[in-house]
Amino acid sequence: MNASFSPPSVAHPRAPTLSRRLGLLRTLGKDHVRKPTEAKAKQAKQGALKRIMAVASRSGEGTPTTTQQEDKGLKSFLLKCGSYYQSAELFYQRQWRQRLRQIGFRVISVTKMDGHHLWEIRLCCNLSAQTYLLLSKPVPKKLFAAKDLLECQIKAEFRLISKDLGLVIKNDEITVTRNGAHMRVGFLWPKGRAGVLRKKEKRIQAFPFLVRRWLRRVRN
């Protein structure tokens, strides 16, 4: 019998294609690249921590840093040239003067009496303050028929300032006495301590006159 014999077929592993080879090489390359970069990052963090700890230990031991040297120099400068001091007794008096000056008033004095929380502010209403109150600031329609519109606007502005400072002045607890451009505003307001804040007058100095005489002698 001439029977043809064929050997059993064995499944051979399929050879990887070119694209699969390239993919394997890329993944292997990424793994090889990631390891050294992560190690370098850890080393950099450790180095930065060591440097921070070294600076902290130096500052703790007494070695002055740059900021400490600057603070020391600033303290010595302030001790030599004097200090800036404001008493808390006249805190609200200064606040009223500052707000009124921003509007344009020339503040002469700000006084709080000893009893009944009575305040009295003397000021001069110049052209810039009148322009702000009558033109820049809106006027309510109910005040159009008022005899003195400027006086009503001053009351409204004082009530607004008192609200910003923490407590609103009641409408029936404020009066404005006007004599030309000079005004005296009185109101009841419980904040602040008793005291007077006056405008400092500039003293006449004799030094410029002496310099003028000396210049005349030298020129002649």
Foldseek 3Di string as FASTA:
>chain_A
DPDDDDDDDDDDDDDDDPVVVVVVVVVVVVVVVVVVVVVVVVVVVVVVVVVVVVVVVCVVVPNDDPVRVVVVVVVVVCVVPDDDDDDPQCVVVVLVVVVVVVLPKAWFKWFFDQPQQKIKTKIFQDPSNCCCQPPVDDDDPVCPPPPDSSQVSVLVVQQVSVVVVPDGFDPVFWDWDDDPRMIMIMGHDNDHHGDMDGDDDDDDDCVVVVVVVVVVVVVD
